[in-house]
Amino acid sequence: MPVTQADIDLAHRLADAAGHVIRPYFRHEHGVEIKDDQSPVTRADREAEAAMRRLLDAERSGDGIIGEEYGEKAGVTNRKWVLDPIDGTRSFTVGRAIFGTLIALVEDGWPVLGIIDQPIQRERWVGVAGRPTTLNGVPVRTRMCRELTGATIATTSPHLFDEVDVAPYLALVAAISGGNPRQGPVYGGDCYNYGLLASGHLDVVCESGLKIYDFAALVPVVEGAGGMMCDWNGDPLTADSEGHVLAIGDPARLDDVLEAMHRQRDGHDHGAEGDGHGHEGHGH
């Protein structure tokens, strides 16, 4: 079924509920702990996801839920709500307002609604399949990129790529920068980078090891702004994707991006999506 206004309104209320929990913890005692996968978690992460789950249990009890902190709840419909209460927990714990709350509605495995909410700066990108993406209610667009050389690329951290994924990422960076360190990547940002790309401030975001709660919400936001989200083979992102993610502001640059990355991969292990390697994501 298509996304309804009721779905959108509910997604806004979920973001509001998470932000209400998160803001008092920002730059205050948040009880950070290290999870089994060595990523940090705080009281804000857990309480914000719990608040969103309570809303969903009350209003959409038949839908499934996937959340970073509390796992998956099976539903009886073809819809799942995918939640990441704080995408970028490391940034949150050091007081950097470049983290975000991610909320997605996935239908039959396809992301059809997404929110990137930055609760401190009160910036909210909303993407809905078939509609223009908005930032705080105002439509936004990605920017044109006439050639790959000189484009602006971002990733959260080069240290998050595993051994197999480093080479194609560095090849892409080299193609963009032309060896000029002043045109190197922008680091940090997590989901916030994708909002910036949707608003026309970045050209490419490249990451690997992402889980569905890391990328599902990003797809409608970027694509509704005129950009493209895909894996490292150029295939669409779905619930079955393995976490190699590209966001490209100008879809005309897709072939250039893939060519730069595949020149390296063809000499190593072709097909990152099935190589069995990966890491635990951003450390969210």
C-alpha atoms as a PDB file:
ATOM      1  CA  MET A   1       0.000   0.000   0.000  1.00  0.00           C
ATOM      2  CA  PRO A   2       1.237   3.534  -0.652  1.00  0.00           C
ATOM      3  CA  VAL A   3       2.594   5.716   2.114  1.00  0.00           C
ATOM      4  CA  THR A   4      -0.255   7.676   3.676  1.00  0.00           C
ATOM      5  CA  GLN A   5      -0.315  10.997   5.467  1.00  0.00           C
ATOM      6  CA  ALA A   6      -1.025   9.030   8.645  1.00  0.00           C
ATOM      7  CA  ASP A   7       2.257   7.145   8.116  1.00  0.00           C
ATOM      8  CA  ILE A   8       4.140  10.418   7.684  1.00  0.00           C
ATOM      9  CA  ASP A   9       2.501  11.971  10.730  1.00  0.00           C
ATOM     10  CA  LEU A  10       3.401   8.925  12.804  1.00  0.00           C
ATOM     11  CA  ALA A  11       7.026   9.080  11.619  1.00  0.00           C
ATOM     12  CA  HIS A  12       7.159  12.721  12.744  1.00  0.00           C
ATOM     13  CA  ARG A  13       5.795  11.774  16.164  1.00  0.00           C
ATOM     14  CA  LEU A  14       8.402   9.035  16.456  1.00  0.00           C
ATOM     15  CA  ALA A  15      11.152  11.564  15.717  1.00  0.00           C
ATOM     16  CA  ASP A  16       9.628  14.008  18.205  1.00  0.00           C
ATOM     17  CA  ALA A  17       9.534  11.312  20.898  1.00  0.00           C
ATOM     18  CA  ALA A  18      13.168  10.357  20.320  1.00  0.00           C
ATOM     19  CA  GLY A  19      14.329  13.974  20.315  1.00  0.00           C
ATOM     20  CA  HIS A  20      12.506  14.665  23.562  1.00  0.00           C
ATOM     21  CA  VAL A  21      14.529  11.872  25.187  1.00  0.00           C
ATOM     22  CA  ILE A  22      17.872  12.686  23.567  1.00  0.00           C
ATOM     23  CA  ARG A  23      18.170  16.438  24.097  1.00  0.00           C
ATOM     24  CA  PRO A  24      18.527  16.421  27.913  1.00  0.00           C
ATOM     25  CA  TYR A  25      21.398  13.916  27.662  1.00  0.00           C
ATOM     26  CA  PHE A  26      23.391  15.871  25.070  1.00  0.00           C
ATOM     27  CA  ARG A  27      26.646  17.168  26.632  1.00  0.00           C
ATOM     28  CA  HIS A  28      25.462  15.814  29.987  1.00  0.00           C
ATOM     29  CA  GLU A  29      25.895  12.495  31.769  1.00  0.00           C
ATOM     30  CA  HIS A  30      24.615   9.813  29.388  1.00  0.00           C
ATOM     31  CA  GLY A  31      25.938   6.585  30.884  1.00  0.00           C
ATOM     32  CA  VAL A  32      27.964   5.378  27.904  1.00  0.00           C
ATOM     33  CA  GLU A  33      28.740   1.653  27.773  1.00  0.00           C
ATOM     34  CA  ILE A  34      30.552  -0.528  25.220  1.00  0.00           C
ATOM     35  CA  LYS A  35      28.488  -3.264  23.595  1.00  0.00           C
ATOM     36  CA  ASP A  36      29.728  -6.711  22.589  1.00  0.00           C
ATOM     37  CA  ASP A  37      30.522  -5.421  19.082  1.00  0.00           C
ATOM     38  CA  GLN A  38      32.738  -2.732  20.677  1.00  0.00           C
ATOM     39  CA  SER A  39      30.387   0.083  19.672  1.00  0.00           C
ATOM     40  CA  PRO A  40      29.131   2.561  22.276  1.00  0.00           C
ATOM     41  CA  VAL A  41      25.586   2.805  23.594  1.00  0.00           C
ATOM     42  CA  THR A  42      24.086   5.325  26.016  1.00  0.00           C
ATOM     43  CA  ARG A  43      20.945   5.713  28.051  1.00  0.00           C
ATOM     44  CA  ALA A  44      19.772   8.133  25.364  1.00  0.00           C
ATOM     45  CA  ASP A  45      20.019   5.404  22.685  1.00  0.00           C
ATOM     46  CA  ARG A  46      18.050   2.884  24.704  1.00  0.00           C
ATOM     47  CA  GLU A  47      15.425   5.242  26.079  1.00  0.00           C
ATOM     48  CA  ALA A  48      14.807   6.917  22.722  1.00  0.00           C
ATOM     49  CA  GLU A  49      14.247   3.592  20.968  1.00  0.00           C
ATOM     50  CA  ALA A  50      11.988   2.435  23.797  1.00  0.00           C
ATOM     51  CA  ALA A  51       9.905   5.596  23.435  1.00  0.00           C
ATOM     52  CA  MET A  52       9.493   5.019  19.705  1.00  0.00           C
ATOM     53  CA  ARG A  53       8.582   1.374  20.214  1.00  0.00           C
ATOM     54  CA  ARG A  54       5.877   2.321  22.699  1.00  0.00           C
ATOM     55  CA  LEU A  55       4.284   4.572  20.095  1.00  0.00           C
ATOM     56  CA  LEU A  56       4.420   1.872  17.447  1.00  0.00           C
ATOM     57  CA  ASP A  57       3.002  -0.763  19.799  1.00  0.00           C
ATOM     58  CA  ALA A  58       0.088   1.557  20.555  1.00  0.00           C
ATOM     59  CA  GLU A  59      -0.640   2.681  16.992  1.00  0.00           C
ATOM     60  CA  ARG A  60       0.740   0.014  14.619  1.00  0.00           C
ATOM     61  CA  SER A  61       0.788  -3.168  16.639  1.00  0.00           C
ATOM     62  CA  GLY A  62       0.550  -5.327  13.519  1.00  0.00           C
ATOM     63  CA  ASP A  63       3.656  -3.907  11.876  1.00  0.00           C
ATOM     64  CA  GLY A  64       7.102  -5.336  12.474  1.00  0.00           C
ATOM     65  CA  ILE A  65       9.902  -3.355  14.134  1.00  0.00           C
ATOM     66  CA  ILE A  66      13.668  -3.540  13.662  1.00  0.00           C
ATOM     67  CA  GLY A  67      15.729  -1.448  16.064  1.00  0.00           C
ATOM     68  CA  GLU A  68      19.440  -1.217  16.730  1.00  0.00           C
ATOM     69  CA  GLU A  69      19.138  -1.543  20.496  1.00  0.00           C
ATOM     70  CA  TYR A  70      16.214  -3.946  20.987  1.00  0.00           C
ATOM     71  CA  GLY A  71      16.293  -6.113  17.887  1.00  0.00           C
ATOM     72  CA  GLU A  72      13.402  -7.309  15.773  1.00  0.00           C
ATOM     73  CA  LYS A  73       9.737  -7.721  16.610  1.00  0.00           C
ATOM     74  CA  ALA A  74       7.775  -9.772  14.095  1.00  0.00           C
ATOM     75  CA  GLY A  75       4.615  -8.317  12.610  1.00  0.00           C
ATOM     76  CA  VAL A  76       1.624  -9.612  10.683  1.00  0.00           C
ATOM     77  CA  THR A  77       1.765  -7.077   7.832  1.00  0.00           C
ATOM     78  CA  ASN A  78       4.240  -6.541   4.980  1.00  0.00           C
ATOM     79  CA  ARG A  79       5.542  -3.439   6.741  1.00  0.00           C
ATOM     80  CA  LYS A  80       8.428  -2.916   9.142  1.00  0.00           C
ATOM     81  CA  TRP A  81       9.485   0.200  11.010  1.00  0.00           C
ATOM     82  CA  VAL A  82      13.267   0.438  11.172  1.00  0.00           C
ATOM     83  CA  LEU A  83      14.736   2.523  13.998  1.00  0.00           C
ATOM     84  CA  ASP A  84      18.187   3.807  14.874  1.00  0.00           C
ATOM     85  CA  PRO A  85      17.697   6.121  17.850  1.00  0.00           C
ATOM     86  CA  ILE A  86      21.176   7.665  17.612  1.00  0.00           C
ATOM     87  CA  ASP A  87      23.087   7.054  14.416  1.00  0.00           C
ATOM     88  CA  GLY A  88      26.511   8.369  15.355  1.00  0.00           C
ATOM     89  CA  THR A  89      26.672   7.592  19.064  1.00  0.00           C
ATOM     90  CA  ARG A  90      30.395   8.415  19.127  1.00  0.00           C
ATOM     91  CA  SER A  91      29.650  11.934  17.938  1.00  0.00           C
ATOM     92  CA  PHE A  92      26.841  12.202  20.485  1.00  0.00           C
ATOM     93  CA  THR A  93      29.099  11.155  23.359  1.00  0.00           C
ATOM     94  CA  VAL A  94      31.684  13.841  22.564  1.00  0.00           C
ATOM     95  CA  GLY A  95      29.127  16.601  22.097  1.00  0.00           C
ATOM     96  CA  ARG A  96      29.160  16.857  18.305  1.00  0.00           C
ATOM     97  CA  ALA A  97      25.700  17.628  16.881  1.00  0.00           C
ATOM     98  CA  ILE A  98      26.215  15.628  13.689  1.00  0.00           C
ATOM     99  CA  PHE A  99      24.443  12.448  14.814  1.00  0.00           C
ATOM    100  CA  GLY A 100      20.835  11.742  13.956  1.00  0.00           C
ATOM    101  CA  THR A 101      17.754   9.681  14.658  1.00  0.00           C
ATOM    102  CA  LEU A 102      16.829   7.429  11.740  1.00  0.00           C
ATOM    103  CA  ILE A 103      13.272   6.238  11.159  1.00  0.00           C
ATOM    104  CA  ALA A 104      12.249   4.200   8.127  1.00  0.00           C
ATOM    105  CA  LEU A 105       9.146   2.435   6.914  1.00  0.00           C
ATOM    106  CA  VAL A 106      10.048  -0.603   4.824  1.00  0.00           C
ATOM    107  CA  GLU A 107       7.381  -2.331   2.744  1.00  0.00           C
ATOM    108  CA  ASP A 108       8.046  -5.738   1.203  1.00  0.00           C
ATOM    109  CA  GLY A 109      11.742  -5.100   1.825  1.00  0.00           C
ATOM    110  CA  TRP A 110      11.822  -1.680   0.115  1.00  0.00           C
ATOM    111  CA  PRO A 111      12.355   1.573   2.051  1.00  0.00           C
ATOM    112  CA  VAL A 112       9.391   3.834   1.225  1.00  0.00           C
ATOM    113  CA  LEU A 113       9.617   6.478   3.960  1.00  0.00           C
ATOM    114  CA  GLY A 114      12.639   7.863   5.779  1.00  0.00           C
ATOM    115  CA  ILE A 115      13.473  10.530   8.326  1.00  0.00           C
ATOM    116  CA  ILE A 116      16.898  11.863   9.301  1.00  0.00           C
ATOM    117  CA  ASP A 117      16.366  13.969  12.416  1.00  0.00           C
ATOM    118  CA  GLN A 118      19.097  16.031  14.061  1.00  0.00           C
ATOM    119  CA  PRO A 119      17.413  16.857  17.381  1.00  0.00           C
ATOM    120  CA  ILE A 120      19.935  19.414  18.666  1.00  0.00           C
ATOM    121  CA  GLN A 121      20.036  21.588  15.559  1.00  0.00           C
ATOM    122  CA  ARG A 122      16.371  20.715  14.942  1.00  0.00           C
ATOM    123  CA  GLU A 123      16.932  19.752  11.336  1.00  0.00           C
ATOM    124  CA  ARG A 124      14.635  17.098   9.910  1.00  0.00           C
ATOM    125  CA  TRP A 125      14.903  15.611   6.435  1.00  0.00           C
ATOM    126  CA  VAL A 126      11.835  13.669   5.319  1.00  0.00           C
ATOM    127  CA  GLY A 127      11.806  11.421   2.258  1.00  0.00           C
ATOM    128  CA  VAL A 128       8.751   9.619   0.897  1.00  0.00           C
ATOM    129  CA  ALA A 129       8.712   7.439  -2.228  1.00  0.00           C
ATOM    130  CA  GLY A 130       7.339   9.457  -5.122  1.00  0.00           C
ATOM    131  CA  ARG A 131       7.532  12.817  -3.328  1.00  0.00           C
ATOM    132  CA  PRO A 132      10.176  15.542  -3.053  1.00  0.00           C
ATOM    133  CA  THR A 133      12.415  15.374   0.016  1.00  0.00           C
ATOM    134  CA  THR A 134      12.036  18.218   2.494  1.00  0.00           C
ATOM    135  CA  LEU A 135      14.212  19.768   5.181  1.00  0.00           C
ATOM    136  CA  ASN A 136      12.010  21.291   7.885  1.00  0.00           C
ATOM    137  CA  GLY A 137       9.149  21.332   5.394  1.00  0.00           C
ATOM    138  CA  VAL A 138      11.056  22.999   2.532  1.00  0.00           C
ATOM    139  CA  PRO A 139      11.934  20.921  -0.577  1.00  0.00           C
ATOM    140  CA  VAL A 140      15.653  20.267  -1.116  1.00  0.00           C
ATOM    141  CA  ARG A 141      17.638  19.029  -4.109  1.00  0.00           C
ATOM    142  CA  THR A 142      20.998  17.441  -4.670  1.00  0.00           C
ATOM    143  CA  ARG A 143      23.443  19.381  -6.813  1.00  0.00           C
ATOM    144  CA  MET A 144      24.779  18.747 -10.288  1.00  0.00           C
ATOM    145  CA  CYS A 145      28.292  17.302 -10.504  1.00  0.00           C
ATOM    146  CA  ARG A 146      29.755  17.665 -13.986  1.00  0.00           C
ATOM    147  CA  GLU A 147      32.760  15.403 -13.379  1.00  0.00           C
ATOM    148  CA  LEU A 148      34.078  13.143 -10.667  1.00  0.00           C
ATOM    149  CA  THR A 149      37.379  14.982 -10.295  1.00  0.00           C
ATOM    150  CA  GLY A 150      36.920  17.724  -7.743  1.00  0.00           C
ATOM    151  CA  ALA A 151      33.708  16.301  -6.294  1.00  0.00           C
ATOM    152  CA  THR A 152      33.218  16.311  -2.525  1.00  0.00           C
ATOM    153  CA  ILE A 153      33.183  12.864  -0.894  1.00  0.00           C
ATOM    154  CA  ALA A 154      32.422  11.994   2.724  1.00  0.00           C
ATOM    155  CA  THR A 155      32.637   8.927   4.929  1.00  0.00           C
ATOM    156  CA  THR A 156      32.374   8.543   8.671  1.00  0.00           C
ATOM    157  CA  SER A 157      35.871   7.106   9.144  1.00  0.00           C
ATOM    158  CA  PRO A 158      38.413   5.332   6.923  1.00  0.00           C
ATOM    159  CA  HIS A 159      39.130   3.035   9.869  1.00  0.00           C
ATOM    160  CA  LEU A 160      35.676   1.466   9.529  1.00  0.00           C
ATOM    161  CA  PHE A 161      36.496  -0.167   6.181  1.00  0.00           C
ATOM    162  CA  ASP A 162      37.758  -3.717   6.415  1.00  0.00           C
ATOM    163  CA  GLU A 163      40.826  -4.917   4.531  1.00  0.00           C
ATOM    164  CA  VAL A 164      38.929  -5.895   1.379  1.00  0.00           C
ATOM    165  CA  ASP A 165      36.959  -2.635   1.201  1.00  0.00           C
ATOM    166  CA  VAL A 166      39.817  -0.188   1.760  1.00  0.00           C
ATOM    167  CA  ALA A 167      41.270  -0.493  -1.769  1.00  0.00           C
ATOM    168  CA  PRO A 168      38.104   0.393  -3.745  1.00  0.00           C
ATOM    169  CA  TYR A 169      37.338   3.231  -1.333  1.00  0.00           C
ATOM    170  CA  LEU A 170      40.848   4.692  -1.705  1.00  0.00           C
ATOM    171  CA  ALA A 171      40.631   4.288  -5.483  1.00  0.00           C
ATOM    172  CA  LEU A 172      37.444   6.347  -5.462  1.00  0.00           C
ATOM    173  CA  VAL A 173      39.094   8.990  -3.278  1.00  0.00           C
ATOM    174  CA  ALA A 174      42.060   9.123  -5.674  1.00  0.00           C
ATOM    175  CA  ALA A 175      39.767   9.551  -8.689  1.00  0.00           C
ATOM    176  CA  ILE A 176      37.961  12.404  -6.961  1.00  0.00           C
ATOM    177  CA  SER A 177      40.942  14.198  -5.449  1.00  0.00           C
ATOM    178  CA  GLY A 178      43.454  13.662  -8.239  1.00  0.00           C
ATOM    179  CA  GLY A 179      46.061  13.227  -5.511  1.00  0.00           C
ATOM    180  CA  ASN A 180      45.386  16.679  -4.066  1.00  0.00           C
ATOM    181  CA  PRO A 181      45.094  16.331  -0.265  1.00  0.00           C
ATOM    182  CA  ARG A 182      43.160  19.588  -0.132  1.00  0.00           C
ATOM    183  CA  GLN A 183      40.377  17.832  -2.049  1.00  0.00           C
ATOM    184  CA  GLY A 184      40.390  14.781   0.188  1.00  0.00           C
ATOM    185  CA  PRO A 185      37.385  13.285   1.976  1.00  0.00           C
ATOM    186  CA  VAL A 186      35.242  14.876   4.659  1.00  0.00           C
ATOM    187  CA  TYR A 187      35.341  12.650   7.754  1.00  0.00           C
ATOM    188  CA  GLY A 188      32.740  12.249  10.491  1.00  0.00           C
ATOM    189  CA  GLY A 189      29.043  12.783  10.049  1.00  0.00           C
ATOM    190  CA  ASP A 190      27.336   9.377   9.964  1.00  0.00           C
ATOM    191  CA  CYS A 191      23.762   9.855   8.705  1.00  0.00           C
ATOM    192  CA  TYR A 192      24.129  13.643   8.731  1.00  0.00           C
ATOM    193  CA  ASN A 193      26.278  13.378   5.603  1.00  0.00           C
ATOM    194  CA  TYR A 194      23.339  11.972   3.674  1.00  0.00           C
ATOM    195  CA  GLY A 195      21.154  14.888   4.695  1.00  0.00           C
ATOM    196  CA  LEU A 196      23.864  17.261   3.539  1.00  0.00           C
ATOM    197  CA  LEU A 197      24.084  15.410   0.225  1.00  0.00           C
ATOM    198  CA  ALA A 198      20.304  15.637  -0.185  1.00  0.00           C
ATOM    199  CA  SER A 199      20.551  19.389   0.419  1.00  0.00           C
ATOM    200  CA  GLY A 200      23.241  19.849  -2.221  1.00  0.00           C
ATOM    201  CA  HIS A 201      26.334  20.272  -0.025  1.00  0.00           C
ATOM    202  CA  LEU A 202      28.113  16.949  -0.754  1.00  0.00           C
ATOM    203  CA  ASP A 203      28.450  14.891  -3.929  1.00  0.00           C
ATOM    204  CA  VAL A 204      29.277  11.345  -2.796  1.00  0.00           C
ATOM    205  CA  VAL A 205      29.085   9.334   0.424  1.00  0.00           C
ATOM    206  CA  CYS A 206      30.780   5.915   0.489  1.00  0.00           C
ATOM    207  CA  GLU A 207      30.532   3.429   3.362  1.00  0.00           C
ATOM    208  CA  SER A 208      30.501  -0.286   4.120  1.00  0.00           C
ATOM    209  CA  GLY A 209      29.415  -2.524   6.961  1.00  0.00           C
ATOM    210  CA  LEU A 210      26.096  -0.724   7.447  1.00  0.00           C
ATOM    211  CA  LYS A 211      23.071  -2.526   8.871  1.00  0.00           C
ATOM    212  CA  ILE A 212      19.508  -2.014   7.686  1.00  0.00           C
ATOM    213  CA  TYR A 213      18.843   0.443  10.520  1.00  0.00           C
ATOM    214  CA  ASP A 214      21.841   2.471   9.305  1.00  0.00           C
ATOM    215  CA  PHE A 215      20.703   2.876   5.699  1.00  0.00           C
ATOM    216  CA  ALA A 216      16.953   2.233   5.263  1.00  0.00           C
ATOM    217  CA  ALA A 217      15.894   5.775   6.198  1.00  0.00           C
ATOM    218  CA  LEU A 218      18.552   7.316   3.967  1.00  0.00           C
ATOM    219  CA  VAL A 219      17.211   5.841   0.727  1.00  0.00           C
ATOM    220  CA  PRO A 220      13.930   7.823   0.421  1.00  0.00           C
ATOM    221  CA  VAL A 221      15.660  11.002   1.647  1.00  0.00           C
ATOM    222  CA  VAL A 222      18.452  10.925  -0.931  1.00  0.00           C
ATOM    223  CA  GLU A 223      16.350   9.636  -3.823  1.00  0.00           C
ATOM    224  CA  GLY A 224      13.507  12.082  -3.180  1.00  0.00           C
ATOM    225  CA  ALA A 225      16.057  14.895  -3.484  1.00  0.00           C
ATOM    226  CA  GLY A 226      17.175  13.702  -6.918  1.00  0.00           C
ATOM    227  CA  GLY A 227      20.133  11.604  -5.800  1.00  0.00           C
ATOM    228  CA  MET A 228      20.840   7.891  -5.952  1.00  0.00           C
ATOM    229  CA  MET A 229      21.398   5.260  -3.285  1.00  0.00           C
ATOM    230  CA  CYS A 230      22.872   1.908  -4.243  1.00  0.00           C
ATOM    231  CA  ASP A 231      25.361  -0.738  -3.200  1.00  0.00           C
ATOM    232  CA  TRP A 232      28.922  -0.941  -4.519  1.00  0.00           C
ATOM    233  CA  ASN A 233      27.661  -2.878  -7.552  1.00  0.00           C
ATOM    234  CA  GLY A 234      25.134  -0.172  -8.436  1.00  0.00           C
ATOM    235  CA  ASP A 235      22.157  -2.263  -7.284  1.00  0.00           C
ATOM    236  CA  PRO A 236      19.265  -0.767  -5.273  1.00  0.00           C
ATOM    237  CA  LEU A 237      19.359  -1.003  -1.475  1.00  0.00           C
ATOM    238  CA  THR A 238      16.768  -3.309   0.085  1.00  0.00           C
ATOM    239  CA  ALA A 239      16.354  -5.220   3.326  1.00  0.00           C
ATOM    240  CA  ASP A 240      18.579  -7.917   1.814  1.00  0.00           C
ATOM    241  CA  SER A 241      21.519  -5.612   1.013  1.00  0.00           C
ATOM    242  CA  GLU A 242      24.753  -6.387   2.809  1.00  0.00           C
ATOM    243  CA  GLY A 243      25.756  -2.893   3.781  1.00  0.00           C
ATOM    244  CA  HIS A 244      28.085  -1.572   1.067  1.00  0.00           C
ATOM    245  CA  VAL A 245      26.467   1.818   0.496  1.00  0.00           C
ATOM    246  CA  LEU A 246      26.922   4.625  -2.008  1.00  0.00           C
ATOM    247  CA  ALA A 247      24.996   7.880  -2.080  1.00  0.00           C
ATOM    248  CA  ILE A 248      25.514   9.922  -5.241  1.00  0.00           C
ATOM    249  CA  GLY A 249      24.020  13.364  -5.533  1.00  0.00           C
ATOM    250  CA  ASP A 250      24.121  13.453  -9.335  1.00  0.00           C
ATOM    251  CA  PRO A 251      23.109  10.031 -10.748  1.00  0.00           C
ATOM    252  CA  ALA A 252      24.999  10.898 -13.955  1.00  0.00           C
ATOM    253  CA  ARG A 253      28.214  10.178 -12.009  1.00  0.00           C
ATOM    254  CA  LEU A 254      27.242   6.607 -11.071  1.00  0.00           C
ATOM    255  CA  ASP A 255      29.256   4.955 -13.848  1.00  0.00           C
ATOM    256  CA  ASP A 256      32.303   7.094 -13.017  1.00  0.00           C
ATOM    257  CA  VAL A 257      32.098   6.117  -9.351  1.00  0.00           C
ATOM    258  CA  LEU A 258      31.675   2.412 -10.078  1.00  0.00           C
ATOM    259  CA  GLU A 259      34.456   2.436 -12.669  1.00  0.00           C
ATOM    260  CA  ALA A 260      36.881   3.985 -10.199  1.00  0.00           C
ATOM    261  CA  MET A 261      36.017   1.435  -7.516  1.00  0.00           C
ATOM    262  CA  HIS A 262      35.898  -1.602  -9.784  1.00  0.00           C
ATOM    263  CA  ARG A 263      39.342  -0.938 -11.222  1.00  0.00           C
ATOM    264  CA  GLN A 264      40.643  -1.917  -7.783  1.00  0.00           C
ATOM    265  CA  ARG A 265      38.119  -4.634  -7.018  1.00  0.00           C
ATOM    266  CA  ASP A 266      38.600  -6.418 -10.320  1.00  0.00           C
ATOM    267  CA  GLY A 267      42.195  -6.964  -9.320  1.00  0.00           C
ATOM    268  CA  HIS A 268      41.163  -8.426  -5.961  1.00  0.00           C
ATOM    269  CA  ASP A 269      37.833  -9.928  -4.929  1.00  0.00           C
ATOM    270  CA  HIS A 270      35.053  -8.882  -7.290  1.00  0.00           C
ATOM    271  CA  GLY A 271      31.675  -8.416  -5.663  1.00  0.00           C
ATOM    272  CA  ALA A 272      31.937  -6.952  -2.192  1.00  0.00           C
ATOM    273  CA  GLU A 273      28.309  -7.745  -1.509  1.00  0.00           C
ATOM    274  CA  GLY A 274      29.015 -11.430  -1.242  1.00  0.00           C
ATOM    275  CA  ASP A 275      32.524 -11.564   0.101  1.00  0.00           C
ATOM    276  CA  GLY A 276      31.566 -12.393   3.659  1.00  0.00           C
ATOM    277  CA  HIS A 277      33.705  -9.590   5.049  1.00  0.00           C
ATOM    278  CA  GLY A 278      32.452  -6.658   7.018  1.00  0.00           C
ATOM    279  CA  HIS A 279      32.588  -4.835  10.287  1.00  0.00           C
ATOM    280  CA  GLU A 280      30.056  -3.901  12.832  1.00  0.00           C
ATOM    281  CA  GLY A 281      29.036  -0.682  11.143  1.00  0.00           C
ATOM    282  CA  HIS A 282      29.663   2.845  12.324  1.00  0.00           C
ATOM    283  CA  GLY A 283      30.052   2.063  15.966  1.00  0.00           C
ATOM    284  CA  HIS A 284      26.643   3.504  16.700  1.00  0.00           C
END
